[in-house]
């Protein structure tokens, strides 16, 4: 299993608009069929550059599905956000491979 992580720092001046947009954007990424779920989280560490930082973690079905996303969908889906918020946001992407998962089960 792979996680495609997008970390975004948003300028305070567009934060509310961006948050509405990202909540509409995530379902579009999921609609590509390359991911099984997504998690939107707020990063709780203050950045020196200011603004607010979020992480969106998309769980991919496989390496092949993630590669297909890059090939077929990524450029188109990134363009809208860049056009809208380019000078007021900074984004970087990382790939994570899940090695093992653990959970606590309560009786």
N, C-alpha and C. Protein backbone atom coordinates (compact mmCIF):
# COMPACT_ATOMS: atom_id res chain seq x y z
N UNK A 1 0.85 -1.18 0.00
CA UNK A 1 0.00 0.00 0.00
C UNK A 1 0.90 1.24 0.00
N UNK A 2 0.47 2.25 -0.76
CA UNK A 2 1.22 3.49 -0.87
C UNK A 2 0.33 4.66 -0.45
N UNK A 3 0.97 5.64 0.15
CA UNK A 3 0.29 6.89 0.49
C UNK A 3 0.94 7.99 -0.34
N UNK A 4 0.11 8.72 -1.04
CA UNK A 4 0.53 9.90 -1.78
C UNK A 4 0.18 11.08 -0.88
N UNK A 5 1.20 11.72 -0.33
CA UNK A 5 0.99 12.79 0.65
C UNK A 5 1.27 14.14 0.00
N UNK A 6 0.33 15.06 0.14
CA UNK A 6 0.50 16.43 -0.35
C UNK A 6 0.44 17.35 0.87
N UNK A 7 1.53 18.05 1.13
CA UNK A 7 1.59 19.00 2.24
C UNK A 7 1.53 20.40 1.64
N UNK A 8 0.64 21.22 2.17
CA UNK A 8 0.39 22.54 1.60
C UNK A 8 0.40 23.59 2.71
N UNK A 9 1.19 24.65 2.49
CA UNK A 9 1.14 25.81 3.38
C UNK A 9 0.32 26.88 2.69
N UNK A 10 -0.70 27.38 3.37
CA UNK A 10 -1.67 28.31 2.82
C UNK A 10 -1.53 29.66 3.51
N UNK A 11 -1.43 30.70 2.74
CA UNK A 11 -1.41 32.05 3.29
C UNK A 11 -2.75 32.32 3.99
N UNK A 12 -2.70 32.99 5.13
CA UNK A 12 -3.92 33.27 5.89
C UNK A 12 -4.97 34.04 5.09
N UNK A 13 -4.53 34.84 4.13
CA UNK A 13 -5.46 35.67 3.36
C UNK A 13 -6.40 34.85 2.47
N UNK A 14 -6.03 33.62 2.13
CA UNK A 14 -6.88 32.78 1.28
C UNK A 14 -7.29 31.48 1.96
N UNK A 15 -6.98 31.36 3.24
CA UNK A 15 -7.20 30.10 3.94
C UNK A 15 -8.62 29.58 3.80
N UNK A 16 -9.60 30.39 4.12
CA UNK A 16 -11.00 29.92 4.11
C UNK A 16 -11.43 29.50 2.71
N UNK A 17 -11.05 30.27 1.70
CA UNK A 17 -11.39 29.93 0.31
C UNK A 17 -10.71 28.62 -0.09
N UNK A 18 -9.43 28.46 0.28
CA UNK A 18 -8.69 27.25 -0.06
C UNK A 18 -9.32 26.03 0.62
N UNK A 19 -9.71 26.16 1.87
CA UNK A 19 -10.29 25.03 2.60
C UNK A 19 -11.58 24.56 1.94
N UNK A 20 -12.40 25.48 1.49
CA UNK A 20 -13.62 25.10 0.75
C UNK A 20 -13.23 24.38 -0.53
N UNK A 21 -12.25 24.93 -1.24
CA UNK A 21 -11.81 24.35 -2.52
C UNK A 21 -11.24 22.94 -2.32
N UNK A 22 -10.38 22.74 -1.33
CA UNK A 22 -9.73 21.43 -1.16
C UNK A 22 -10.76 20.37 -0.80
N UNK A 23 -11.80 20.73 -0.08
CA UNK A 23 -12.85 19.77 0.27
C UNK A 23 -13.68 19.39 -0.95
N UNK A 24 -13.64 20.19 -2.00
CA UNK A 24 -14.26 19.84 -3.28
C UNK A 24 -13.28 19.09 -4.17
N UNK A 25 -11.99 19.42 -4.03
CA UNK A 25 -10.93 18.82 -4.86
C UNK A 25 -10.66 17.36 -4.48
N UNK A 26 -10.64 17.05 -3.21
CA UNK A 26 -10.33 15.68 -2.77
C UNK A 26 -11.26 14.65 -3.40
N UNK A 27 -12.58 14.86 -3.42
CA UNK A 27 -13.45 13.88 -4.09
C UNK A 27 -13.14 13.72 -5.58
N UNK A 28 -12.64 14.77 -6.23
CA UNK A 28 -12.26 14.65 -7.64
C UNK A 28 -11.05 13.74 -7.81
N UNK A 29 -10.11 13.85 -6.88
CA UNK A 29 -8.94 12.95 -6.92
C UNK A 29 -9.39 11.51 -6.68
N UNK A 30 -10.26 11.31 -5.70
CA UNK A 30 -10.76 9.96 -5.42
C UNK A 30 -11.56 9.41 -6.61
N UNK A 31 -12.23 10.27 -7.35
CA UNK A 31 -13.04 9.83 -8.49
C UNK A 31 -12.19 9.28 -9.63
N UNK A 32 -10.88 9.48 -9.59
CA UNK A 32 -10.02 8.90 -10.62
C UNK A 32 -9.97 7.38 -10.50
N UNK A 33 -10.37 6.86 -9.33
CA UNK A 33 -10.33 5.41 -9.12
C UNK A 33 -8.96 4.87 -8.75
N UNK A 34 -8.01 5.76 -8.49
CA UNK A 34 -6.64 5.32 -8.18
C UNK A 34 -6.36 5.22 -6.68
N UNK A 35 -7.31 5.74 -5.88
CA UNK A 35 -7.11 5.79 -4.43
C UNK A 35 -8.35 5.24 -3.73
N UNK A 36 -8.14 4.61 -2.58
CA UNK A 36 -9.28 4.05 -1.84
C UNK A 36 -9.85 5.03 -0.82
N UNK A 37 -9.02 5.95 -0.33
CA UNK A 37 -9.52 6.95 0.62
C UNK A 37 -8.52 8.07 0.75
N UNK A 38 -8.98 9.16 1.36
CA UNK A 38 -8.11 10.31 1.60
C UNK A 38 -8.38 10.84 2.99
N UNK A 39 -7.34 11.40 3.60
CA UNK A 39 -7.45 12.01 4.92
C UNK A 39 -6.88 13.42 4.85
N UNK A 40 -7.68 14.39 5.27
CA UNK A 40 -7.24 15.79 5.33
C UNK A 40 -6.90 16.09 6.78
N UNK A 41 -5.66 16.51 7.01
CA UNK A 41 -5.24 16.81 8.38
C UNK A 41 -4.60 18.21 8.42
N UNK A 42 -4.72 18.83 9.57
CA UNK A 42 -4.06 20.12 9.79
C UNK A 42 -2.77 19.86 10.56
N UNK A 43 -1.68 20.42 10.08
CA UNK A 43 -0.39 20.29 10.75
C UNK A 43 -0.37 21.28 11.91
N UNK A 44 -0.04 20.79 13.09
CA UNK A 44 -0.14 21.61 14.30
C UNK A 44 1.16 22.29 14.70
N UNK A 45 2.16 22.22 13.85
CA UNK A 45 3.43 22.90 14.10
C UNK A 45 3.39 24.25 13.40
N UNK A 46 3.73 25.30 14.11
CA UNK A 46 3.77 26.64 13.49
C UNK A 46 4.97 26.74 12.57
N UNK A 47 4.72 27.26 11.37
CA UNK A 47 5.79 27.44 10.39
C UNK A 47 6.38 28.85 10.54
N UNK A 48 7.69 28.96 10.34
CA UNK A 48 8.35 30.26 10.37
C UNK A 48 7.78 31.19 9.30
N UNK A 49 7.35 30.61 8.19
CA UNK A 49 6.83 31.43 7.08
C UNK A 49 5.41 31.92 7.34
N UNK A 50 4.78 31.44 8.42
CA UNK A 50 3.41 31.82 8.73
C UNK A 50 2.42 30.97 7.96
N UNK A 51 1.19 31.42 7.90
CA UNK A 51 0.15 30.67 7.22
C UNK A 51 -0.26 29.44 8.01
N UNK A 52 -1.02 28.59 7.36
CA UNK A 52 -1.49 27.35 7.98
C UNK A 52 -1.14 26.20 7.05
N UNK A 53 -0.77 25.08 7.64
CA UNK A 53 -0.30 23.95 6.87
C UNK A 53 -1.23 22.76 7.03
N UNK A 54 -1.48 22.09 5.92
CA UNK A 54 -2.33 20.90 5.88
C UNK A 54 -1.60 19.77 5.17
N UNK A 55 -2.00 18.56 5.49
CA UNK A 55 -1.51 17.38 4.79
C UNK A 55 -2.72 16.60 4.29
N UNK A 56 -2.69 16.24 3.03
CA UNK A 56 -3.73 15.38 2.47
C UNK A 56 -3.05 14.07 2.11
N UNK A 57 -3.53 12.99 2.71
CA UNK A 57 -2.96 11.67 2.46
C UNK A 57 -3.95 10.82 1.69
N UNK A 58 -3.54 10.48 0.48
CA UNK A 58 -4.35 9.62 -0.39
C UNK A 58 -3.78 8.21 -0.35
N UNK A 59 -4.61 7.24 0.01
CA UNK A 59 -4.16 5.84 0.04
C UNK A 59 -4.42 5.20 -1.31
N UNK A 60 -3.33 4.82 -1.95
CA UNK A 60 -3.41 4.21 -3.28
C UNK A 60 -3.62 2.71 -3.16
N UNK A 61 -4.28 2.14 -4.17
CA UNK A 61 -4.49 0.70 -4.19
C UNK A 61 -3.20 -0.06 -4.42
N UNK A 62 -2.27 0.54 -5.19
CA UNK A 62 -1.03 -0.16 -5.55
C UNK A 62 -0.05 0.84 -6.15
N UNK A 63 1.17 0.40 -6.35
CA UNK A 63 2.18 1.22 -7.03
C UNK A 63 1.71 1.54 -8.45
N UNK A 64 1.10 0.54 -9.09
CA UNK A 64 0.61 0.73 -10.46
C UNK A 64 -0.49 1.79 -10.51
N UNK A 65 -1.37 1.77 -9.54
CA UNK A 65 -2.46 2.76 -9.49
C UNK A 65 -1.88 4.16 -9.28
N UNK A 66 -0.89 4.29 -8.41
CA UNK A 66 -0.25 5.58 -8.18
C UNK A 66 0.44 6.08 -9.45
N UNK A 67 1.16 5.20 -10.12
CA UNK A 67 1.81 5.57 -11.37
C UNK A 67 0.78 5.99 -12.42
N UNK A 68 -0.34 5.29 -12.47
CA UNK A 68 -1.41 5.64 -13.42
C UNK A 68 -1.99 7.01 -13.08
N UNK A 69 -2.10 7.34 -11.80
CA UNK A 69 -2.57 8.67 -11.40
C UNK A 69 -1.62 9.74 -11.94
N UNK A 70 -0.31 9.54 -11.74
CA UNK A 70 0.66 10.51 -12.25
C UNK A 70 0.53 10.66 -13.76
N UNK A 71 0.40 9.55 -14.45
CA UNK A 71 0.36 9.54 -15.91
C UNK A 71 -0.94 10.15 -16.45
N UNK A 72 -2.08 9.80 -15.84
CA UNK A 72 -3.38 10.13 -16.43
C UNK A 72 -4.08 11.35 -15.83
N UNK A 73 -3.81 11.66 -14.58
CA UNK A 73 -4.67 12.61 -13.86
C UNK A 73 -3.97 13.77 -13.16
N UNK A 74 -2.76 13.58 -12.69
CA UNK A 74 -2.12 14.54 -11.78
C UNK A 74 -2.02 15.95 -12.37
N UNK A 75 -1.51 16.07 -13.59
CA UNK A 75 -1.33 17.40 -14.16
C UNK A 75 -2.64 18.16 -14.26
N UNK A 76 -3.68 17.51 -14.75
CA UNK A 76 -4.98 18.16 -14.91
C UNK A 76 -5.54 18.62 -13.56
N UNK A 77 -5.45 17.75 -12.54
CA UNK A 77 -6.02 18.08 -11.24
C UNK A 77 -5.21 19.14 -10.50
N UNK A 78 -3.91 19.19 -10.71
CA UNK A 78 -3.06 20.19 -10.04
C UNK A 78 -3.26 21.58 -10.64
N UNK A 79 -3.56 21.64 -11.92
CA UNK A 79 -3.64 22.91 -12.63
C UNK A 79 -4.64 23.87 -12.01
N UNK A 80 -5.81 23.40 -11.66
CA UNK A 80 -6.85 24.28 -11.11
C UNK A 80 -6.37 24.96 -9.83
N UNK A 81 -5.80 24.20 -8.91
CA UNK A 81 -5.30 24.77 -7.66
C UNK A 81 -4.17 25.76 -7.89
N UNK A 82 -3.29 25.44 -8.82
CA UNK A 82 -2.18 26.35 -9.12
C UNK A 82 -2.68 27.66 -9.71
N UNK A 83 -3.66 27.57 -10.59
CA UNK A 83 -4.21 28.79 -11.19
C UNK A 83 -4.88 29.67 -10.13
N UNK A 84 -5.57 29.03 -9.23
CA UNK A 84 -6.36 29.75 -8.24
C UNK A 84 -5.53 30.33 -7.09
N UNK A 85 -4.53 29.57 -6.64
CA UNK A 85 -3.84 29.93 -5.39
C UNK A 85 -2.31 30.00 -5.52
N UNK A 86 -1.79 29.94 -6.70
CA UNK A 86 -0.35 29.76 -6.94
C UNK A 86 0.57 30.65 -6.10
N UNK A 87 0.28 31.92 -6.01
CA UNK A 87 1.18 32.82 -5.30
C UNK A 87 0.90 32.90 -3.81
N UNK A 88 -0.09 32.15 -3.33
CA UNK A 88 -0.46 32.21 -1.91
C UNK A 88 -0.36 30.85 -1.22
N UNK A 89 0.24 29.87 -1.93
CA UNK A 89 0.39 28.55 -1.32
C UNK A 89 1.70 27.93 -1.78
N UNK A 90 2.20 27.04 -0.95
CA UNK A 90 3.40 26.29 -1.26
C UNK A 90 3.07 24.83 -0.99
N UNK A 91 3.28 23.97 -1.98
CA UNK A 91 2.94 22.55 -1.82
C UNK A 91 4.15 21.69 -2.15
N UNK A 92 4.26 20.59 -1.41
CA UNK A 92 5.23 19.57 -1.80
C UNK A 92 4.60 18.20 -1.59
N UNK A 93 5.06 17.26 -2.38
CA UNK A 93 4.47 15.93 -2.40
C UNK A 93 5.50 14.89 -2.03
N UNK A 94 5.06 13.89 -1.28
CA UNK A 94 5.92 12.76 -0.94
C UNK A 94 5.13 11.47 -1.11
N UNK A 95 5.86 10.42 -1.36
CA UNK A 95 5.26 9.09 -1.42
C UNK A 95 5.72 8.31 -0.19
N UNK A 96 4.80 7.61 0.41
CA UNK A 96 5.10 6.78 1.57
C UNK A 96 4.66 5.35 1.26
N UNK A 97 5.46 4.40 1.64
CA UNK A 97 5.08 3.01 1.49
C UNK A 97 4.77 2.46 2.87
N UNK A 98 3.58 1.89 3.03
CA UNK A 98 3.20 1.30 4.31
C UNK A 98 3.94 -0.02 4.46
N UNK A 99 4.70 -0.12 5.53
CA UNK A 99 5.47 -1.32 5.80
C UNK A 99 4.65 -2.28 6.65
N UNK A 100 3.97 -1.75 7.64
CA UNK A 100 3.16 -2.57 8.54
C UNK A 100 2.16 -1.65 9.22
N UNK A 101 1.06 -2.19 9.67
CA UNK A 101 0.06 -1.41 10.39
C UNK A 101 -0.30 -2.13 11.68
N UNK A 102 -0.58 -1.35 12.69
CA UNK A 102 -0.94 -1.87 14.01
C UNK A 102 -2.17 -1.12 14.50
N UNK A 103 -2.96 -1.77 15.30
CA UNK A 103 -4.09 -1.10 15.92
C UNK A 103 -4.37 -1.75 17.27
N UNK A 104 -5.05 -1.00 18.07
CA UNK A 104 -5.44 -1.48 19.39
C UNK A 104 -6.88 -1.94 19.31
N UNK A 105 -7.14 -3.10 19.84
CA UNK A 105 -8.50 -3.61 19.85
C UNK A 105 -8.96 -3.65 21.30
N UNK A 106 -10.07 -2.98 21.55
CA UNK A 106 -10.63 -2.96 22.89
C UNK A 106 -11.66 -4.07 23.03
N UNK A 107 -11.68 -4.66 24.21
CA UNK A 107 -12.65 -5.77 24.46
C UNK A 107 -13.88 -5.25 25.12
